[in-house]
Amino acid sequence: MNTHRLKIPLLLACSSILFIAARLNREDKPKGLKDYYKKYFAIGVAVRPSDLKNNQESSLILNEFNSITPENAMKMGPIHPSESRYFWRDADEIVDFGVKNKIKVRGHTLCWHAQTPSWIFTDSSGNQVKKDVLLRRLKSHIQTVVSRYKGKIYAWDVVNEAIADDTTFLRKSKWFEITGEDFIEKAFEYAHEADPKAVLFYNDYNTEIASKRDKIYRLLKKLRDKGVPVHGVGLQAHWSINSPSREELEKSIEMFSSLGLQVQFTELDISVYSGRQGGQLIQGQRRQMETPVFTAEMEQKQLEKYKMVFEVFRKYRKNVTGVTFWNLSDKYSWLDGRGRKNYPLLFDTNLKPKRAYWEVVKF
C-alpha cells in the first residue's frame, strides 16, 4: 500500500477543518469598538484590578478595547505610599493582563497634585523640604516606576493637571510652591531617561475652554521650544450632554496638533447631567447615593453628544492617536462618587451596549 498517497488527502482534509474552525471562530466573535476603529486610533478603557478578575468584565475588555489605563493603581499615593516602600501588586496585575493579551498599556500618572503622599513634601521632622530634595525624590519615583515597566507601557501621563483653573497660570500646588515651574520640565526629562521609547503626555481637563486651553498651549509650546521631551497632550474629555461644542473641540485638536504633538482623549465619559465635569474630585465624606432613572431624554442627549464627538475624532484621525474611556460601564463610574448615579459610558449597568454605542460605530 502506498501510504504517501494517503497522507496528502489526509493533510488536506485536516487543513480544511482547521481553516473552517478558525473562520467560524472569527465569525462567532462579535466586533468590538477596537475593530470598528482599527484603521483610526486605539480604543482604550481605564481599569481596576477587580475588572480583570470578573469574567464578564474581563471578556468585555478583551472584546472591545486594545488599550488599558490603570484608573488609580499607578498614581503616586497608591503605588508609593512611603519613601522606602512601593506597592506593586495592583499595577503589576494590570500590566501583566495587558502584556498577556497583547493590549497596549498607558501609564497614569507620574506627577500630580492630588493622590500624592504627604511624605514627599516633608522631612523626618515634618518640615517642608527644599527644592533640591523634592526634585531628587521626584526623579527617584519616576525612574523607579518607569524602569519597572519599560517595554511594557508604551505611553505615560507624565504631568497631570498643572494648569490653574483661575486667572493665574500654574496651579498653586505643593509642587509649584517648592520648585516653581521646574518640576514639569524635570518630570519629562526623568521619564525620558528611564524609557527613551515611551510616548510622554501632558494631561489636563477642560481643555476646550478657551482661557484654559490657551494656558495649556502656552506651557506646551514653551516646553517644545526648549526641547523638553513631551510628545503628546492628553485631553481628559470629562464632558457632559451640553459641552463641549463641536467648534470648541475642533479648535482644541487643531491648536495642540499645530505644536507637532499627538492628541489623545484620555479619560472620556459623557455625564447625563449638564455642566462642566472635569476636575471635580470627590473630597470628604461621601453623600448618600441618589439613583435617578436613566431617562429617554438623557439617553437621547447623550447619544447625540457621543455621535458628534466621534465624528470629530474620525475627522482628525491623522492627529488623534487614542481614545480612552474612563471606566468600563455604567455599573461603576468615578462620577458616581459625587452623590448621584451617573450613566456616562457606552455600556449599561448590565454591561450591554447602549444606543449611543451603535451611533459611535455607525460610520
Protein backbone atom coordinates (compact mmCIF):
# COMPACT_ATOMS: atom_id res chain seq x y z
CA MET A 1 0.00 0.00 0.00
CA ASN A 2 1.29 3.48 -0.86
CA THR A 3 0.95 5.33 2.45
CA HIS A 4 2.37 8.50 0.85
CA ARG A 5 -0.80 8.87 -1.29
CA LEU A 6 -2.98 8.55 1.81
CA LYS A 7 -1.10 11.24 3.73
CA ILE A 8 -1.73 14.00 1.20
CA PRO A 9 -5.58 13.84 1.21
CA LEU A 10 -5.49 13.44 4.99
CA LEU A 11 -3.36 16.54 5.40
CA LEU A 12 -5.62 18.49 3.06
CA ALA A 13 -8.69 17.38 4.99
CA CYS A 14 -7.12 18.41 8.32
CA SER A 15 -6.12 21.79 6.90
CA SER A 16 -9.68 22.37 5.64
CA ILE A 17 -11.15 21.53 9.04
CA LEU A 18 -8.75 23.89 10.82
CA PHE A 19 -9.50 26.68 8.31
CA ILE A 20 -13.27 26.26 8.72
CA ALA A 21 -12.94 26.17 12.51
CA ALA A 22 -10.83 29.32 12.55
CA ARG A 23 -13.28 31.08 10.23
CA LEU A 24 -16.26 30.10 12.37
CA ASN A 25 -14.44 31.31 15.45
CA ARG A 26 -13.81 34.70 13.84
CA GLU A 27 -17.39 35.00 12.66
CA ASP A 28 -18.85 33.98 16.03
CA LYS A 29 -16.85 36.63 17.87
CA PRO A 30 -18.71 39.97 17.72
CA LYS A 31 -16.90 43.07 16.52
CA GLY A 32 -15.80 45.44 19.25
CA LEU A 33 -15.00 49.14 19.34
CA LYS A 34 -11.34 48.35 18.64
CA ASP A 35 -12.36 46.52 15.45
CA TYR A 36 -14.57 49.31 14.12
CA TYR A 37 -11.76 51.81 14.78
CA LYS A 38 -8.86 49.60 13.72
CA LYS A 39 -7.87 51.97 10.91
CA TYR A 40 -8.36 55.10 13.01
CA PHE A 41 -6.87 55.01 16.54
CA ALA A 42 -6.56 52.84 19.63
CA ILE A 43 -9.65 52.48 21.81
CA GLY A 44 -8.88 52.16 25.49
CA VAL A 45 -10.50 51.90 28.90
CA ALA A 46 -9.48 52.72 32.47
CA VAL A 47 -9.49 49.59 34.61
CA ARG A 48 -9.22 48.41 38.21
CA PRO A 49 -7.73 45.05 39.23
CA SER A 50 -11.23 43.83 40.11
CA ASP A 51 -12.32 44.37 36.47
CA LEU A 52 -9.74 41.84 35.35
CA LYS A 53 -10.87 39.18 37.83
CA ASN A 54 -14.54 39.32 36.86
CA ASN A 55 -15.13 37.05 33.86
CA GLN A 56 -17.88 39.18 32.33
CA GLU A 57 -15.93 42.41 32.68
CA SER A 58 -12.61 40.99 31.53
CA SER A 59 -14.34 39.44 28.49
CA LEU A 60 -15.87 42.80 27.65
CA ILE A 61 -12.46 44.48 27.91
CA LEU A 62 -10.86 41.90 25.62
CA ASN A 63 -13.62 42.12 23.03
CA GLU A 64 -13.98 45.91 22.89
CA PHE A 65 -10.61 47.52 23.68
CA ASN A 66 -6.97 47.36 22.62
CA SER A 67 -5.57 49.71 25.25
CA ILE A 68 -5.90 49.89 29.03
CA THR A 69 -5.04 52.53 31.64
CA PRO A 70 -4.86 51.90 35.40
CA GLU A 71 -7.53 54.13 36.96
CA ASN A 72 -5.70 54.57 40.28
CA ALA A 73 -3.08 51.85 40.71
CA MET A 74 -0.14 53.86 39.35
CA LYS A 75 -0.87 57.21 40.96
CA MET A 76 1.86 58.19 43.39
CA GLY A 77 -0.15 57.71 46.58
CA PRO A 78 -1.27 54.12 45.87
CA ILE A 79 1.98 52.90 44.30
CA HIS A 80 4.49 54.71 46.57
CA PRO A 81 2.82 55.14 49.99
CA SER A 82 6.07 55.78 51.90
CA GLU A 83 9.57 56.79 50.89
CA SER A 84 11.05 53.34 51.40
CA ARG A 85 8.07 51.28 50.20
CA TYR A 86 6.38 50.67 46.86
CA PHE A 87 3.12 48.75 46.44
CA TRP A 88 3.36 47.00 43.08
CA ARG A 89 0.65 44.34 43.17
CA ASP A 90 -2.27 46.19 41.57
CA ALA A 91 -0.18 47.91 38.90
CA ASP A 92 1.63 44.67 38.10
CA GLU A 93 -1.68 42.82 37.64
CA ILE A 94 -2.91 45.40 35.15
CA VAL A 95 0.34 45.49 33.17
CA ASP A 96 0.56 41.68 33.14
CA PHE A 97 -3.02 41.48 31.83
CA GLY A 98 -2.12 43.85 29.01
CA VAL A 99 1.06 42.03 28.07
CA LYS A 100 -0.58 38.60 28.22
CA ASN A 101 -3.45 39.69 25.98
CA LYS A 102 -1.39 41.89 23.64
CA ILE A 103 -3.22 45.03 24.76
CA LYS A 104 -1.36 48.35 24.87
CA VAL A 105 -0.92 49.88 28.33
CA ARG A 106 -0.89 53.61 29.16
CA GLY A 107 0.75 54.64 32.44
CA HIS A 108 -1.17 57.11 34.62
CA THR A 109 0.18 59.26 36.25
CA LEU A 110 3.71 60.15 37.40
CA CYS A 111 3.29 63.64 38.85
CA TRP A 112 0.01 65.13 40.11
CA HIS A 113 -1.10 67.50 42.85
CA ALA A 114 -3.74 65.05 44.09
CA GLN A 115 -3.38 61.48 45.37
CA THR A 116 0.20 62.37 46.26
CA PRO A 117 1.58 61.07 49.58
CA SER A 118 2.41 63.78 52.11
CA TRP A 119 5.84 62.30 52.84
CA ILE A 120 7.23 63.50 49.54
CA PHE A 121 6.91 67.16 50.59
CA THR A 122 8.25 66.87 54.17
CA ASP A 123 11.35 65.77 56.05
CA SER A 124 11.57 63.49 59.10
CA SER A 125 10.66 66.42 61.37
CA GLY A 126 7.58 67.33 59.36
CA ASN A 127 9.13 70.43 57.83
CA GLN A 128 8.68 71.24 54.15
CA VAL A 129 11.64 70.07 52.07
CA LYS A 130 13.77 72.26 49.85
CA LYS A 131 13.61 72.27 46.06
CA ASP A 132 16.64 70.03 45.51
CA VAL A 133 15.28 67.36 47.86
CA LEU A 134 11.85 67.33 46.24
CA LEU A 135 13.27 67.08 42.72
CA ARG A 136 15.55 64.27 43.84
CA ARG A 137 12.56 62.40 45.26
CA LEU A 138 10.57 63.04 42.09
CA LYS A 139 13.41 61.66 39.98
CA SER A 140 13.72 58.56 42.13
CA HIS A 141 9.97 57.91 41.98
CA ILE A 142 9.61 58.43 38.24
CA GLN A 143 12.66 56.44 37.25
CA THR A 144 11.81 53.55 39.59
CA VAL A 145 8.25 53.25 38.25
CA VAL A 146 9.02 53.84 34.56
CA SER A 147 12.01 51.49 34.62
CA ARG A 148 9.94 48.69 36.15
CA TYR A 149 7.54 48.76 33.19
CA LYS A 150 9.99 49.69 30.44
CA GLY A 151 8.98 47.97 27.22
CA LYS A 152 5.54 47.09 28.63
CA ILE A 153 3.99 50.56 28.89
CA TYR A 154 4.03 52.44 25.60
CA ALA A 155 2.88 55.86 26.88
CA TRP A 156 2.80 57.82 30.15
CA ASP A 157 0.76 60.69 31.50
CA VAL A 158 3.83 62.34 33.00
CA VAL A 159 2.41 65.53 34.48
CA ASN A 160 -1.29 65.81 35.28
CA GLU A 161 -3.36 68.98 35.72
CA ALA A 162 -0.63 71.55 36.39
CA ILE A 163 -2.58 74.45 34.86
CA ALA A 164 -4.72 76.64 37.13
CA ASP A 165 -8.48 76.98 36.67
CA ASP A 166 -8.46 80.65 37.72
CA THR A 167 -6.74 83.57 36.03
CA THR A 168 -3.24 82.54 37.17
CA PHE A 169 -1.01 80.35 35.02
CA LEU A 170 0.07 77.32 37.03
CA ARG A 171 -1.89 75.62 39.79
CA LYS A 172 -0.68 76.65 43.26
CA SER A 173 0.22 73.10 44.26
CA LYS A 174 2.96 71.95 46.61
CA TRP A 175 4.98 71.04 43.52
CA PHE A 176 4.78 74.63 42.29
CA GLU A 177 5.23 76.16 45.75
CA ILE A 178 8.52 74.34 46.29
CA THR A 179 10.02 74.09 42.78
CA GLY A 180 8.30 76.75 40.69
CA GLU A 181 7.79 75.59 37.10
CA ASP A 182 10.83 73.33 37.14
CA PHE A 183 9.03 70.18 38.30
CA ILE A 184 7.19 69.95 34.98
CA GLU A 185 10.25 70.07 32.78
CA LYS A 186 12.21 67.77 35.09
CA ALA A 187 9.42 65.17 35.24
CA PHE A 188 9.51 64.76 31.47
CA GLU A 189 13.30 64.57 31.45
CA TYR A 190 13.33 61.91 34.19
CA ALA A 191 10.71 59.79 32.40
CA HIS A 192 12.55 60.04 29.07
CA GLU A 193 15.82 58.97 30.69
CA ALA A 194 14.12 55.92 32.18
CA ASP A 195 12.45 54.83 28.92
CA PRO A 196 13.53 56.74 25.78
CA LYS A 197 10.96 54.88 23.65
CA ALA A 198 7.91 55.77 25.73
CA VAL A 199 5.49 58.41 24.40
CA LEU A 200 5.20 61.14 27.04
CA PHE A 201 2.00 63.16 27.58
CA TYR A 202 0.90 66.24 29.46
CA ASN A 203 -2.68 65.54 30.65
CA ASP A 204 -5.41 68.00 31.69
CA TYR A 205 -9.17 68.70 31.78
CA ASN A 206 -11.45 71.47 30.49
CA THR A 207 -9.13 71.75 27.51
CA GLU A 208 -11.97 73.07 25.35
CA ILE A 209 -12.46 76.19 27.48
CA ALA A 210 -10.57 78.92 25.65
CA SER A 211 -8.93 80.54 28.69
CA LYS A 212 -7.54 77.26 29.99
CA ARG A 213 -6.72 75.88 26.54
CA ASP A 214 -4.60 78.94 25.81
CA LYS A 215 -2.57 78.44 29.01
CA ILE A 216 -2.01 74.75 28.26
CA TYR A 217 -0.89 75.68 24.74
CA ARG A 218 1.47 78.29 26.19
CA LEU A 219 3.01 75.72 28.56
CA LEU A 220 3.44 73.07 25.89
CA LYS A 221 4.90 75.49 23.35
CA LYS A 222 7.43 76.63 25.94
CA LEU A 223 8.41 73.03 26.69
CA ARG A 224 8.67 72.13 23.00
CA ASP A 225 10.75 75.22 22.22
CA LYS A 226 13.19 74.22 24.98
CA GLY A 227 13.49 70.71 23.61
CA VAL A 228 11.80 69.06 26.58
CA PRO A 229 10.73 65.50 25.60
CA VAL A 230 6.95 65.98 25.62
CA HIS A 231 5.36 64.09 22.73
CA GLY A 232 1.63 64.41 23.25
CA VAL A 233 -1.23 66.10 25.02
CA GLY A 234 -3.95 64.20 26.82
CA LEU A 235 -7.35 65.90 26.68
CA GLN A 236 -9.23 64.24 29.52
CA ALA A 237 -12.71 64.57 27.98
CA HIS A 238 -14.82 64.52 31.15
CA TRP A 239 -17.72 66.01 29.24
CA SER A 240 -21.50 66.29 29.52
CA ILE A 241 -24.60 66.32 27.38
CA ASN A 242 -24.21 70.06 26.74
CA SER A 243 -20.45 70.51 26.47
CA PRO A 244 -18.17 70.82 24.60
CA SER A 245 -19.46 72.19 21.32
CA ARG A 246 -18.14 70.85 18.02
CA GLU A 247 -16.34 74.15 17.42
CA GLU A 248 -14.61 74.08 20.83
CA LEU A 249 -13.48 70.51 20.32
CA GLU A 250 -12.13 71.04 16.81
CA LYS A 251 -10.28 74.19 17.88
CA SER A 252 -8.50 72.28 20.67
CA ILE A 253 -7.36 69.49 18.36
CA GLU A 254 -6.11 71.96 15.77
CA MET A 255 -4.22 74.11 18.28
CA PHE A 256 -2.38 71.29 20.01
CA SER A 257 -1.67 69.44 16.77
CA SER A 258 -0.01 72.57 15.42
CA LEU A 259 2.74 72.04 18.02
CA GLY A 260 3.58 68.67 16.47
CA LEU A 261 2.03 66.80 19.40
CA GLN A 262 -0.02 63.63 19.37
CA VAL A 263 -3.54 64.19 20.68
CA GLN A 264 -5.23 61.56 22.81
CA PHE A 265 -8.57 61.72 24.59
CA THR A 266 -7.50 60.04 27.78
CA GLU A 267 -10.48 59.95 30.18
CA LEU A 268 -13.66 60.05 28.11
CA ASP A 269 -17.09 59.97 29.71
CA ILE A 270 -20.22 61.98 28.95
CA SER A 271 -22.30 62.82 32.01
CA VAL A 272 -26.06 62.74 31.67
CA TYR A 273 -26.17 65.97 33.69
CA SER A 274 -25.32 69.35 32.21
CA GLY A 275 -22.27 71.42 33.09
CA ARG A 276 -18.51 71.01 33.02
CA GLN A 277 -17.44 67.78 34.71
CA GLY A 278 -13.65 68.00 34.56
CA GLY A 279 -11.54 68.25 37.68
CA GLN A 280 -14.37 67.82 40.19
CA LEU A 281 -12.67 65.40 42.57
CA ILE A 282 -14.54 63.68 45.33
CA GLN A 283 -13.43 65.05 48.68
CA GLY A 284 -14.57 64.46 52.24
CA GLN A 285 -17.41 62.19 53.25
CA ARG A 286 -19.49 60.65 50.51
CA ARG A 287 -23.09 61.71 50.32
CA GLN A 288 -25.82 59.12 50.23
CA MET A 289 -26.20 57.94 46.67
CA GLU A 290 -29.14 59.23 44.67
CA THR A 291 -30.11 56.83 41.89
CA PRO A 292 -32.28 58.64 39.35
CA VAL A 293 -33.65 56.77 36.36
CA PHE A 294 -31.70 56.85 33.11
CA THR A 295 -34.46 58.58 31.18
CA ALA A 296 -35.18 58.53 27.46
CA GLU A 297 -34.30 62.23 27.33
CA MET A 298 -30.91 61.59 28.97
CA GLU A 299 -30.30 58.72 26.59
CA GLN A 300 -31.07 60.78 23.50
CA LYS A 301 -28.95 63.78 24.51
CA GLN A 302 -26.01 61.56 25.44
CA LEU A 303 -26.35 59.65 22.18
CA GLU A 304 -26.20 62.88 20.19
CA LYS A 305 -23.10 64.08 22.05
CA TYR A 306 -21.25 60.77 21.60
CA LYS A 307 -22.17 60.79 17.92
CA MET A 308 -20.79 64.29 17.48
CA VAL A 309 -17.50 63.80 19.31
CA PHE A 310 -16.67 60.60 17.46
CA GLU A 311 -17.43 62.34 14.15
CA VAL A 312 -14.79 64.89 15.16
CA PHE A 313 -12.34 62.21 16.31
CA ARG A 314 -12.61 60.49 12.94
CA LYS A 315 -12.25 63.77 11.07
CA TYR A 316 -8.92 64.34 12.79
CA ARG A 317 -7.68 60.76 12.56
CA LYS A 318 -4.25 61.96 11.45
CA ASN A 319 -3.82 63.83 14.73
CA VAL A 320 -5.73 61.66 17.22
CA THR A 321 -3.81 58.53 18.22
CA GLY A 322 -6.01 57.20 21.02
CA VAL A 323 -9.38 57.46 22.78
CA THR A 324 -9.73 56.01 26.29
CA PHE A 325 -13.00 55.69 28.20
CA TRP A 326 -12.76 56.43 31.91
CA ASN A 327 -14.27 53.24 33.35
CA LEU A 328 -15.87 50.28 31.66
CA SER A 329 -19.63 50.59 32.17
CA ASP A 330 -22.38 52.46 34.00
CA LYS A 331 -22.16 49.78 36.68
CA TYR A 332 -19.31 51.86 38.14
CA SER A 333 -18.14 55.37 37.31
CA TRP A 334 -15.93 57.75 39.26
CA LEU A 335 -18.69 60.33 38.71
CA ASP A 336 -20.99 58.32 40.99
CA GLY A 337 -18.89 59.50 43.91
CA ARG A 338 -20.44 62.94 43.63
CA GLY A 339 -23.53 61.57 45.30
CA ARG A 340 -25.80 60.75 42.38
CA LYS A 341 -25.74 57.85 39.98
CA ASN A 342 -24.36 58.80 36.59
CA TYR A 343 -24.67 56.89 33.33
CA PRO A 344 -21.73 58.31 31.35
CA LEU A 345 -20.42 55.34 29.34
CA LEU A 346 -21.31 53.21 26.32
CA PHE A 347 -22.19 50.07 28.31
CA ASP A 348 -25.08 49.96 30.79
CA THR A 349 -25.14 48.58 34.34
CA ASN A 350 -25.58 45.07 32.88
CA LEU A 351 -22.55 45.52 30.58
CA LYS A 352 -24.77 45.71 27.49
CA PRO A 353 -24.21 48.25 24.67
CA LYS A 354 -26.39 51.33 24.95
CA ARG A 355 -27.97 53.10 21.98
CA ALA A 356 -25.05 55.54 21.99
CA TYR A 357 -22.68 52.63 21.32
CA TRP A 358 -24.35 51.90 17.99
CA GLU A 359 -24.09 55.57 16.96
CA VAL A 360 -20.36 55.52 17.71
CA VAL A 361 -19.76 52.51 15.45
CA LYS A 362 -22.18 53.55 12.68
CA PHE A 363 -19.98 55.15 10.03
